[in-house]
């Protein structure tokens, strides 16, 4: 994958801190691998938990590129070998949100919802690929679409629900190619 120009740059929104289940780590790692094979660069702030580290590590194991924006003078975690660290002043959230074409989103607990929403709004509502093999997001689909459509009706079409990375990729790549025209 190295040396080729990426098709897209993606961010990811995943639970912070420790994973609730091993399957979260496995899903994140496999999704990172899948995106690297699709020649997608990942862009994130410093990974702060097992799931984020697994996402980045998955991409790196397949030769993908992971760009990590890190706030200067703040502690950092040990990174997977090969991530590119760019130190910046201030919070990296805005920089990440503006650097990506879309986000991959894994189910989270209530404590992470505010961060997910804040990042999505900072990105000007870039497409979200909500990945859940066990319908965690699919059960909320109507509720989420109803809330978003009140304030940002044009953003509803940018929320993609998928059970697999392949299904999500097909949908988001179609959406992004339509928007590029």
N, C-alpha and C. Protein backbone atom coordinates (compact mmCIF):
# COMPACT_ATOMS: atom_id res chain seq x y z
N UNK A 1 0.80 -1.19 0.00
CA UNK A 1 0.00 0.00 0.00
C UNK A 1 0.85 1.27 0.00
N UNK A 2 2.03 1.20 0.58
CA UNK A 2 2.85 2.40 0.66
C UNK A 2 3.26 2.84 -0.74
N UNK A 3 3.31 4.17 -0.94
CA UNK A 3 3.71 4.71 -2.22
C UNK A 3 2.54 5.04 -3.12
N UNK A 4 1.40 4.45 -2.88
CA UNK A 4 0.21 4.75 -3.67
C UNK A 4 -0.55 5.89 -3.01
N UNK A 5 -1.18 6.72 -3.84
CA UNK A 5 -1.99 7.81 -3.31
C UNK A 5 -3.30 7.23 -2.80
N UNK A 6 -3.71 7.59 -1.58
CA UNK A 6 -4.94 7.02 -1.04
C UNK A 6 -6.17 7.56 -1.75
N UNK A 7 -7.19 6.72 -1.81
CA UNK A 7 -8.45 7.13 -2.38
C UNK A 7 -9.13 8.13 -1.45
N UNK A 8 -9.11 7.86 -0.19
CA UNK A 8 -9.80 8.67 0.82
C UNK A 8 -8.96 8.69 2.10
N UNK A 9 -9.33 9.62 2.96
CA UNK A 9 -8.77 9.64 4.31
C UNK A 9 -9.95 9.50 5.27
N UNK A 10 -9.88 8.54 6.14
CA UNK A 10 -10.99 8.27 7.06
C UNK A 10 -10.57 8.50 8.50
N UNK A 11 -11.52 8.90 9.28
CA UNK A 11 -11.35 8.96 10.72
C UNK A 11 -12.15 7.82 11.33
N UNK A 12 -12.02 7.67 12.64
CA UNK A 12 -12.83 6.65 13.29
C UNK A 12 -13.26 7.14 14.66
N UNK A 13 -14.48 6.76 15.03
CA UNK A 13 -15.04 7.07 16.34
C UNK A 13 -15.30 5.74 17.02
N UNK A 14 -14.57 5.51 18.08
CA UNK A 14 -14.65 4.23 18.79
C UNK A 14 -14.68 4.50 20.29
N UNK A 15 -15.12 3.52 21.07
CA UNK A 15 -15.13 3.71 22.53
C UNK A 15 -13.74 4.03 23.07
N UNK A 16 -13.69 4.91 24.05
CA UNK A 16 -12.43 5.27 24.69
C UNK A 16 -12.11 4.29 25.82
N UNK A 17 -10.90 4.34 26.28
CA UNK A 17 -10.42 3.53 27.41
C UNK A 17 -10.44 2.04 27.10
N UNK A 18 -10.85 1.22 28.06
CA UNK A 18 -10.83 -0.24 27.90
C UNK A 18 -12.05 -0.72 27.13
N UNK A 19 -11.85 -1.74 26.33
CA UNK A 19 -12.94 -2.34 25.58
C UNK A 19 -13.87 -3.10 26.52
N UNK A 20 -15.15 -3.05 26.25
CA UNK A 20 -16.11 -3.82 27.04
C UNK A 20 -16.06 -5.30 26.67
N UNK A 21 -15.76 -5.58 25.41
CA UNK A 21 -15.74 -6.95 24.91
C UNK A 21 -14.57 -7.12 23.95
N UNK A 22 -14.00 -8.30 23.91
CA UNK A 22 -12.92 -8.60 22.98
C UNK A 22 -13.36 -8.37 21.53
N UNK A 23 -14.64 -8.59 21.23
CA UNK A 23 -15.12 -8.43 19.85
C UNK A 23 -14.97 -6.99 19.36
N UNK A 24 -15.00 -6.00 20.28
CA UNK A 24 -14.78 -4.62 19.86
C UNK A 24 -13.36 -4.45 19.33
N UNK A 25 -12.40 -5.04 20.00
CA UNK A 25 -11.00 -4.95 19.58
C UNK A 25 -10.82 -5.68 18.25
N UNK A 26 -11.41 -6.85 18.14
CA UNK A 26 -11.30 -7.64 16.91
C UNK A 26 -11.93 -6.90 15.74
N UNK A 27 -13.13 -6.36 15.93
CA UNK A 27 -13.81 -5.62 14.87
C UNK A 27 -12.99 -4.41 14.44
N UNK A 28 -12.47 -3.67 15.41
CA UNK A 28 -11.66 -2.48 15.09
C UNK A 28 -10.42 -2.88 14.30
N UNK A 29 -9.74 -3.92 14.73
CA UNK A 29 -8.52 -4.36 14.04
C UNK A 29 -8.84 -4.80 12.61
N UNK A 30 -9.88 -5.58 12.45
CA UNK A 30 -10.26 -6.06 11.12
C UNK A 30 -10.70 -4.91 10.21
N UNK A 31 -11.39 -3.93 10.76
CA UNK A 31 -11.81 -2.78 9.96
C UNK A 31 -10.60 -1.96 9.53
N UNK A 32 -9.64 -1.76 10.44
CA UNK A 32 -8.41 -1.07 10.07
C UNK A 32 -7.66 -1.79 8.96
N UNK A 33 -7.58 -3.12 9.06
CA UNK A 33 -6.95 -3.92 8.00
C UNK A 33 -7.69 -3.73 6.67
N UNK A 34 -9.01 -3.82 6.71
CA UNK A 34 -9.83 -3.69 5.51
C UNK A 34 -9.59 -2.34 4.83
N UNK A 35 -9.60 -1.27 5.61
CA UNK A 35 -9.41 0.07 5.04
C UNK A 35 -8.02 0.24 4.44
N UNK A 36 -7.01 -0.33 5.09
CA UNK A 36 -5.65 -0.27 4.53
C UNK A 36 -5.61 -0.97 3.18
N UNK A 37 -6.30 -2.09 3.07
CA UNK A 37 -6.34 -2.82 1.80
C UNK A 37 -7.10 -2.06 0.73
N UNK A 38 -7.96 -1.14 1.13
CA UNK A 38 -8.69 -0.28 0.19
C UNK A 38 -7.92 1.01 -0.08
N UNK A 39 -6.70 1.09 0.42
CA UNK A 39 -5.83 2.25 0.22
C UNK A 39 -6.38 3.53 0.86
N UNK A 40 -6.96 3.38 2.03
CA UNK A 40 -7.52 4.50 2.77
C UNK A 40 -6.56 4.85 3.91
N UNK A 41 -6.13 6.10 3.96
CA UNK A 41 -5.33 6.57 5.08
C UNK A 41 -6.26 6.78 6.28
N UNK A 42 -5.78 6.50 7.48
CA UNK A 42 -6.52 6.79 8.69
C UNK A 42 -5.95 8.03 9.34
N UNK A 43 -6.82 8.86 9.88
CA UNK A 43 -6.42 10.08 10.54
C UNK A 43 -7.13 10.10 11.89
N UNK A 44 -6.37 10.34 12.96
CA UNK A 44 -6.98 10.30 14.29
C UNK A 44 -6.19 11.16 15.26
N UNK A 45 -6.80 11.38 16.43
CA UNK A 45 -6.03 11.96 17.52
C UNK A 45 -5.33 10.80 18.23
N UNK A 46 -4.54 11.10 19.20
CA UNK A 46 -3.80 10.06 19.90
C UNK A 46 -4.76 8.99 20.42
N UNK A 47 -4.57 7.73 20.04
CA UNK A 47 -5.46 6.68 20.54
C UNK A 47 -5.44 6.63 22.07
N UNK A 48 -6.63 6.61 22.67
CA UNK A 48 -6.71 6.63 24.13
C UNK A 48 -7.29 5.35 24.71
N UNK A 49 -7.37 4.33 23.93
CA UNK A 49 -7.92 3.10 24.47
C UNK A 49 -7.62 1.91 23.59
N UNK A 50 -8.05 0.76 24.06
CA UNK A 50 -7.77 -0.50 23.36
C UNK A 50 -8.39 -0.56 21.98
N UNK A 51 -9.60 -0.05 21.83
CA UNK A 51 -10.30 -0.14 20.54
C UNK A 51 -9.63 0.78 19.51
N UNK A 52 -9.30 1.99 19.90
CA UNK A 52 -8.63 2.92 18.98
C UNK A 52 -7.26 2.39 18.58
N UNK A 53 -6.52 1.86 19.54
CA UNK A 53 -5.21 1.29 19.23
C UNK A 53 -5.34 0.11 18.28
N UNK A 54 -6.37 -0.71 18.46
CA UNK A 54 -6.59 -1.86 17.58
C UNK A 54 -6.94 -1.41 16.16
N UNK A 55 -7.71 -0.33 16.04
CA UNK A 55 -8.08 0.19 14.72
C UNK A 55 -6.82 0.62 13.97
N UNK A 56 -5.98 1.42 14.64
CA UNK A 56 -4.74 1.90 14.03
C UNK A 56 -3.79 0.74 13.74
N UNK A 57 -3.65 -0.16 14.69
CA UNK A 57 -2.77 -1.31 14.53
C UNK A 57 -3.19 -2.18 13.35
N UNK A 58 -4.50 -2.38 13.18
CA UNK A 58 -4.99 -3.17 12.05
C UNK A 58 -4.56 -2.59 10.71
N UNK A 59 -4.69 -1.27 10.59
CA UNK A 59 -4.27 -0.62 9.34
C UNK A 59 -2.76 -0.76 9.13
N UNK A 60 -2.01 -0.56 10.19
CA UNK A 60 -0.56 -0.62 10.06
C UNK A 60 -0.06 -2.03 9.72
N UNK A 61 -0.74 -3.07 10.21
CA UNK A 61 -0.29 -4.44 9.92
C UNK A 61 -0.46 -4.78 8.44
N UNK A 62 -1.34 -4.05 7.74
CA UNK A 62 -1.54 -4.29 6.31
C UNK A 62 -0.84 -3.23 5.46
N UNK A 63 0.09 -2.51 6.07
CA UNK A 63 0.87 -1.51 5.32
C UNK A 63 0.15 -0.20 5.11
N UNK A 64 -0.91 0.03 5.87
CA UNK A 64 -1.65 1.29 5.74
C UNK A 64 -0.94 2.44 6.41
N UNK A 65 -1.44 3.62 6.16
CA UNK A 65 -0.88 4.84 6.73
C UNK A 65 -1.83 5.35 7.81
N UNK A 66 -1.28 5.66 8.99
CA UNK A 66 -2.06 6.20 10.09
C UNK A 66 -1.40 7.51 10.52
N UNK A 67 -2.15 8.60 10.37
CA UNK A 67 -1.68 9.93 10.74
C UNK A 67 -2.32 10.28 12.08
N UNK A 68 -1.49 10.58 13.07
CA UNK A 68 -1.98 10.83 14.43
C UNK A 68 -1.65 12.27 14.82
N UNK A 69 -2.70 13.05 15.05
CA UNK A 69 -2.50 14.42 15.52
C UNK A 69 -2.47 14.39 17.03
N UNK A 70 -1.42 14.99 17.59
CA UNK A 70 -1.20 14.93 19.03
C UNK A 70 -0.98 16.33 19.56
N UNK A 71 -1.70 16.68 20.62
CA UNK A 71 -1.54 17.97 21.25
C UNK A 71 -0.20 18.05 21.96
N UNK A 72 0.57 19.07 21.63
CA UNK A 72 1.88 19.24 22.23
C UNK A 72 1.78 19.29 23.76
N UNK A 73 2.82 18.79 24.40
CA UNK A 73 2.95 18.84 25.86
C UNK A 73 1.84 18.10 26.61
N UNK A 74 1.27 17.08 26.01
CA UNK A 74 0.31 16.24 26.72
C UNK A 74 0.83 14.81 26.70
N UNK A 75 0.51 14.04 27.73
CA UNK A 75 1.00 12.66 27.76
C UNK A 75 0.40 11.85 26.61
N UNK A 76 1.14 10.87 26.18
CA UNK A 76 0.64 10.03 25.10
C UNK A 76 0.77 8.56 25.49
N UNK A 77 0.02 7.75 24.80
CA UNK A 77 0.09 6.31 25.02
C UNK A 77 1.11 5.72 24.06
N UNK A 78 1.50 4.48 24.30
CA UNK A 78 2.41 3.81 23.38
C UNK A 78 1.65 3.50 22.09
N UNK A 79 2.22 3.91 20.99
CA UNK A 79 1.57 3.73 19.70
C UNK A 79 2.01 2.47 19.01
N UNK A 80 1.14 1.94 18.15
CA UNK A 80 1.59 0.85 17.30
C UNK A 80 2.74 1.35 16.41
N UNK A 81 3.69 0.50 16.16
CA UNK A 81 4.86 0.87 15.34
C UNK A 81 4.41 1.31 13.95
N UNK A 82 4.88 2.48 13.51
CA UNK A 82 4.63 2.93 12.15
C UNK A 82 3.66 4.08 12.00
N UNK A 83 2.99 4.50 13.06
CA UNK A 83 2.09 5.65 12.96
C UNK A 83 2.87 6.93 12.83
N UNK A 84 2.37 7.86 12.02
CA UNK A 84 3.01 9.17 11.83
C UNK A 84 2.40 10.15 12.82
N UNK A 85 3.22 10.70 13.70
CA UNK A 85 2.72 11.63 14.71
C UNK A 85 3.01 13.06 14.27
N UNK A 86 1.96 13.88 14.29
CA UNK A 86 2.09 15.30 13.98
C UNK A 86 1.65 16.07 15.21
N UNK A 87 2.58 16.79 15.82
CA UNK A 87 2.24 17.55 17.02
C UNK A 87 1.64 18.89 16.61
N UNK A 88 0.55 19.25 17.30
CA UNK A 88 -0.14 20.51 17.00
C UNK A 88 -0.43 21.25 18.30
N UNK A 89 -0.72 22.54 18.17
CA UNK A 89 -1.18 23.32 19.32
C UNK A 89 -2.68 23.13 19.44
N UNK A 90 -3.18 22.98 20.64
CA UNK A 90 -4.61 22.86 20.86
C UNK A 90 -5.13 21.45 20.63
N UNK A 91 -6.43 21.33 20.75
CA UNK A 91 -7.09 20.04 20.63
C UNK A 91 -7.02 19.52 19.19
N UNK A 92 -6.70 18.25 19.01
CA UNK A 92 -6.63 17.68 17.67
C UNK A 92 -7.99 17.37 17.05
N UNK A 93 -9.06 17.45 17.84
CA UNK A 93 -10.38 17.05 17.34
C UNK A 93 -10.77 17.82 16.08
N UNK A 94 -10.62 19.13 16.07
CA UNK A 94 -11.00 19.95 14.92
C UNK A 94 -10.13 19.62 13.71
N UNK A 95 -8.84 19.43 13.93
CA UNK A 95 -7.93 19.09 12.84
C UNK A 95 -8.30 17.76 12.21
N UNK A 96 -8.56 16.77 13.03
CA UNK A 96 -8.97 15.46 12.52
C UNK A 96 -10.29 15.59 11.77
N UNK A 97 -11.26 16.25 12.37
CA UNK A 97 -12.59 16.37 11.77
C UNK A 97 -12.54 17.01 10.38
N UNK A 98 -11.65 17.97 10.19
CA UNK A 98 -11.55 18.64 8.90
C UNK A 98 -10.64 17.93 7.91
N UNK A 99 -9.89 16.94 8.37
CA UNK A 99 -8.93 16.24 7.51
C UNK A 99 -9.48 15.00 6.83
N UNK A 100 -10.64 14.53 7.27
CA UNK A 100 -11.15 13.25 6.77
C UNK A 100 -12.30 13.46 5.80
N UNK A 101 -12.50 12.44 4.94
CA UNK A 101 -13.65 12.48 4.04
C UNK A 101 -14.87 11.82 4.67
N UNK A 102 -14.63 10.94 5.65
CA UNK A 102 -15.72 10.23 6.32
C UNK A 102 -15.19 9.58 7.60
N UNK A 103 -16.10 9.07 8.41
CA UNK A 103 -15.74 8.39 9.66
C UNK A 103 -16.32 6.98 9.68
N UNK A 104 -15.57 6.08 10.30
CA UNK A 104 -16.06 4.74 10.62
C UNK A 104 -16.38 4.76 12.10
N UNK A 105 -17.57 4.31 12.46
CA UNK A 105 -18.08 4.44 13.81
C UNK A 105 -18.43 3.06 14.36
N UNK A 106 -17.89 2.74 15.54
CA UNK A 106 -18.23 1.50 16.22
C UNK A 106 -19.14 1.81 17.40
N UNK A 107 -20.02 0.89 17.76
CA UNK A 107 -20.93 1.13 18.88
C UNK A 107 -20.17 1.51 20.15
N UNK A 108 -20.80 2.38 20.93
CA UNK A 108 -20.15 2.86 22.14
C UNK A 108 -21.14 2.90 23.30
N UNK A 109 -20.61 3.20 24.45
CA UNK A 109 -21.45 3.41 25.62
C UNK A 109 -21.91 4.87 25.66
N UNK A 110 -22.82 5.15 26.54
CA UNK A 110 -23.38 6.49 26.67
C UNK A 110 -22.29 7.53 26.90
N UNK A 111 -21.24 7.18 27.64
CA UNK A 111 -20.18 8.13 27.97
C UNK A 111 -19.43 8.65 26.74
N UNK A 112 -19.49 7.94 25.62
CA UNK A 112 -18.78 8.36 24.41
C UNK A 112 -19.66 9.12 23.42
N UNK A 113 -20.97 9.13 23.62
CA UNK A 113 -21.88 9.73 22.64
C UNK A 113 -21.62 11.22 22.42
N UNK A 114 -21.33 11.96 23.48
CA UNK A 114 -21.06 13.39 23.35
C UNK A 114 -19.84 13.65 22.47
N UNK A 115 -18.79 12.86 22.67
CA UNK A 115 -17.57 13.00 21.86
C UNK A 115 -17.85 12.67 20.40
N UNK A 116 -18.62 11.62 20.17
CA UNK A 116 -19.00 11.25 18.81
C UNK A 116 -19.73 12.41 18.13
N UNK A 117 -20.73 12.97 18.80
CA UNK A 117 -21.53 14.05 18.22
C UNK A 117 -20.69 15.29 17.99
N UNK A 118 -19.87 15.66 18.97
CA UNK A 118 -19.02 16.85 18.85
C UNK A 118 -18.08 16.73 17.65
N UNK A 119 -17.48 15.57 17.49
CA UNK A 119 -16.56 15.37 16.37
C UNK A 119 -17.30 15.42 15.04
N UNK A 120 -18.46 14.79 14.97
CA UNK A 120 -19.23 14.78 13.73
C UNK A 120 -19.66 16.19 13.33
N UNK A 121 -20.13 16.97 14.29
CA UNK A 121 -20.54 18.34 13.99
C UNK A 121 -19.34 19.18 13.56
N UNK A 122 -18.18 18.98 14.19
CA UNK A 122 -16.96 19.71 13.81
C UNK A 122 -16.52 19.37 12.39
N UNK A 123 -16.91 18.20 11.92
CA UNK A 123 -16.53 17.79 10.56
C UNK A 123 -17.49 18.30 9.51
N UNK A 124 -18.45 19.12 9.89
CA UNK A 124 -19.51 19.59 8.99
C UNK A 124 -20.34 18.41 8.51
N UNK A 125 -20.56 17.46 9.40
CA UNK A 125 -21.43 16.29 9.16
C UNK A 125 -20.96 15.44 7.98
N UNK A 126 -19.66 15.14 7.97
CA UNK A 126 -19.14 14.23 6.95
C UNK A 126 -19.81 12.86 7.12
N UNK A 127 -19.81 12.04 6.08
CA UNK A 127 -20.47 10.74 6.17
C UNK A 127 -19.95 9.88 7.32
N UNK A 128 -20.87 9.18 7.95
CA UNK A 128 -20.57 8.25 9.02
C UNK A 128 -20.93 6.85 8.54
N UNK A 129 -20.02 5.91 8.72
CA UNK A 129 -20.33 4.51 8.46
C UNK A 129 -20.47 3.86 9.84
N UNK A 130 -21.70 3.63 10.25
CA UNK A 130 -22.00 3.05 11.55
C UNK A 130 -21.98 1.54 11.41
N UNK A 131 -20.93 0.93 11.89
CA UNK A 131 -20.69 -0.50 11.69
C UNK A 131 -21.11 -1.28 12.91
N UNK A 132 -22.08 -2.16 12.73
CA UNK A 132 -22.49 -3.01 13.85
C UNK A 132 -23.01 -4.35 13.33
N UNK A 133 -22.27 -5.38 13.64
CA UNK A 133 -22.65 -6.73 13.19
C UNK A 133 -23.89 -7.22 13.92
N UNK A 134 -24.13 -6.75 15.11
CA UNK A 134 -25.24 -7.25 15.92
C UNK A 134 -26.38 -6.25 16.05
N UNK A 135 -26.52 -5.37 15.09
CA UNK A 135 -27.64 -4.42 15.02
C UNK A 135 -27.67 -3.36 16.12
N UNK A 136 -26.56 -3.12 16.84
CA UNK A 136 -26.59 -2.09 17.87
C UNK A 136 -27.03 -0.74 17.30
N UNK A 137 -26.50 -0.37 16.13
CA UNK A 137 -26.89 0.89 15.51
C UNK A 137 -28.21 0.76 14.77
N UNK A 138 -28.44 -0.38 14.17
CA UNK A 138 -29.65 -0.54 13.38
C UNK A 138 -30.90 -0.36 14.23
N UNK A 139 -30.83 -0.72 15.50
CA UNK A 139 -31.96 -0.53 16.39
C UNK A 139 -32.22 0.95 16.66
N UNK A 140 -31.21 1.78 16.55
CA UNK A 140 -31.35 3.22 16.79
C UNK A 140 -31.58 4.03 15.52
N UNK A 141 -31.57 3.37 14.38
CA UNK A 141 -31.61 4.08 13.10
C UNK A 141 -32.73 5.11 13.00
N UNK A 142 -33.96 4.71 13.24
CA UNK A 142 -35.08 5.64 13.13
C UNK A 142 -34.96 6.81 14.09
N UNK A 143 -34.54 6.52 15.31
CA UNK A 143 -34.37 7.55 16.32
C UNK A 143 -33.29 8.56 15.90
N UNK A 144 -32.15 8.06 15.44
CA UNK A 144 -31.05 8.93 15.02
C UNK A 144 -31.47 9.77 13.82
N UNK A 145 -32.07 9.15 12.83
CA UNK A 145 -32.49 9.88 11.63
C UNK A 145 -33.51 10.96 11.98
N UNK A 146 -34.43 10.66 12.88
CA UNK A 146 -35.44 11.64 13.28
C UNK A 146 -34.80 12.86 13.94
N UNK A 147 -33.87 12.64 14.85
CA UNK A 147 -33.20 13.74 15.54
C UNK A 147 -32.38 14.58 14.58
N UNK A 148 -31.58 13.93 13.74
CA UNK A 148 -30.71 14.65 12.80
C UNK A 148 -31.54 15.43 11.79
N UNK A 149 -32.64 14.86 11.32
CA UNK A 149 -33.43 15.52 10.28
C UNK A 149 -34.07 16.81 10.76
N UNK A 150 -34.25 16.98 12.05
CA UNK A 150 -34.84 18.21 12.57
C UNK A 150 -33.90 19.39 12.33
N UNK A 151 -32.63 19.22 12.65
CA UNK A 151 -31.66 20.32 12.56
C UNK A 151 -30.87 20.31 11.25
N UNK A 152 -30.58 19.14 10.71
CA UNK A 152 -29.74 19.02 9.52
C UNK A 152 -30.31 17.95 8.58
N UNK A 153 -31.42 18.26 7.91
CA UNK A 153 -32.06 17.23 7.06
C UNK A 153 -31.15 16.69 5.96
N UNK A 154 -30.25 17.52 5.45
CA UNK A 154 -29.33 17.06 4.40
C UNK A 154 -28.30 16.06 4.91
N UNK A 155 -28.10 16.04 6.22
CA UNK A 155 -27.09 15.15 6.80
C UNK A 155 -27.59 13.72 6.97
N UNK A 156 -28.89 13.51 6.95
CA UNK A 156 -29.44 12.17 7.17
C UNK A 156 -28.89 11.18 6.15
N UNK A 157 -28.77 11.60 4.90
CA UNK A 157 -28.26 10.68 3.86
C UNK A 157 -26.79 10.33 4.06
N UNK A 158 -26.09 11.05 4.92
CA UNK A 158 -24.68 10.79 5.18
C UNK A 158 -24.46 9.83 6.34
N UNK A 159 -25.53 9.33 6.92
CA UNK A 159 -25.41 8.35 8.00
C UNK A 159 -25.70 6.98 7.41
N UNK A 160 -24.67 6.17 7.33
CA UNK A 160 -24.76 4.86 6.70
C UNK A 160 -24.71 3.79 7.79
N UNK A 161 -25.63 2.87 7.73
CA UNK A 161 -25.66 1.75 8.67
C UNK A 161 -25.26 0.49 7.92
N UNK A 162 -24.32 -0.25 8.47
CA UNK A 162 -23.83 -1.45 7.79
C UNK A 162 -23.48 -2.52 8.83
N UNK A 163 -23.64 -3.77 8.41
CA UNK A 163 -23.28 -4.90 9.28
C UNK A 163 -21.84 -5.34 9.05
N UNK A 164 -21.26 -5.05 7.89
CA UNK A 164 -19.89 -5.45 7.59
C UNK A 164 -19.12 -4.27 7.01
N UNK A 165 -17.80 -4.35 7.09
CA UNK A 165 -16.96 -3.30 6.51
C UNK A 165 -17.17 -3.25 4.99
N UNK A 166 -17.33 -4.39 4.36
CA UNK A 166 -17.54 -4.44 2.92
C UNK A 166 -18.82 -3.71 2.52
N UNK A 167 -19.90 -3.96 3.25
CA UNK A 167 -21.18 -3.28 2.98
C UNK A 167 -21.03 -1.77 3.20
N UNK A 168 -20.39 -1.38 4.29
CA UNK A 168 -20.16 0.03 4.57
C UNK A 168 -19.31 0.69 3.50
N UNK A 169 -18.27 -0.01 3.05
CA UNK A 169 -17.40 0.52 2.01
C UNK A 169 -18.17 0.77 0.72
N UNK A 170 -18.98 -0.21 0.31
CA UNK A 170 -19.77 -0.05 -0.91
C UNK A 170 -20.65 1.19 -0.84
N UNK A 171 -21.29 1.38 0.30
CA UNK A 171 -22.20 2.52 0.46
C UNK A 171 -21.46 3.86 0.54
N UNK A 172 -20.40 3.91 1.34
CA UNK A 172 -19.72 5.20 1.50
C UNK A 172 -18.94 5.58 0.24
N UNK A 173 -18.34 4.62 -0.43
CA UNK A 173 -17.59 4.97 -1.65
C UNK A 173 -18.57 5.46 -2.72
N UNK A 174 -19.77 4.87 -2.79
CA UNK A 174 -20.78 5.36 -3.72
C UNK A 174 -21.21 6.77 -3.38
N UNK A 175 -21.45 7.03 -2.10
CA UNK A 175 -21.86 8.36 -1.65
C UNK A 175 -20.79 9.40 -1.93
N UNK A 176 -19.53 9.08 -1.62
CA UNK A 176 -18.44 10.03 -1.84
C UNK A 176 -18.20 10.29 -3.31
N UNK A 177 -18.34 9.27 -4.16
CA UNK A 177 -18.14 9.50 -5.59
C UNK A 177 -19.26 10.36 -6.16
N UNK A 178 -20.49 10.22 -5.65
CA UNK A 178 -21.59 11.08 -6.08
C UNK A 178 -21.34 12.53 -5.67
N UNK A 179 -20.84 12.73 -4.46
CA UNK A 179 -20.58 14.08 -3.95
C UNK A 179 -19.43 14.74 -4.69
N UNK A 180 -18.50 13.96 -5.25
CA UNK A 180 -17.35 14.51 -5.97
C UNK A 180 -17.73 15.05 -7.34
N UNK A 181 -18.83 14.58 -7.85
CA UNK A 181 -19.26 15.03 -9.21
C UNK A 181 -19.74 16.43 -9.22
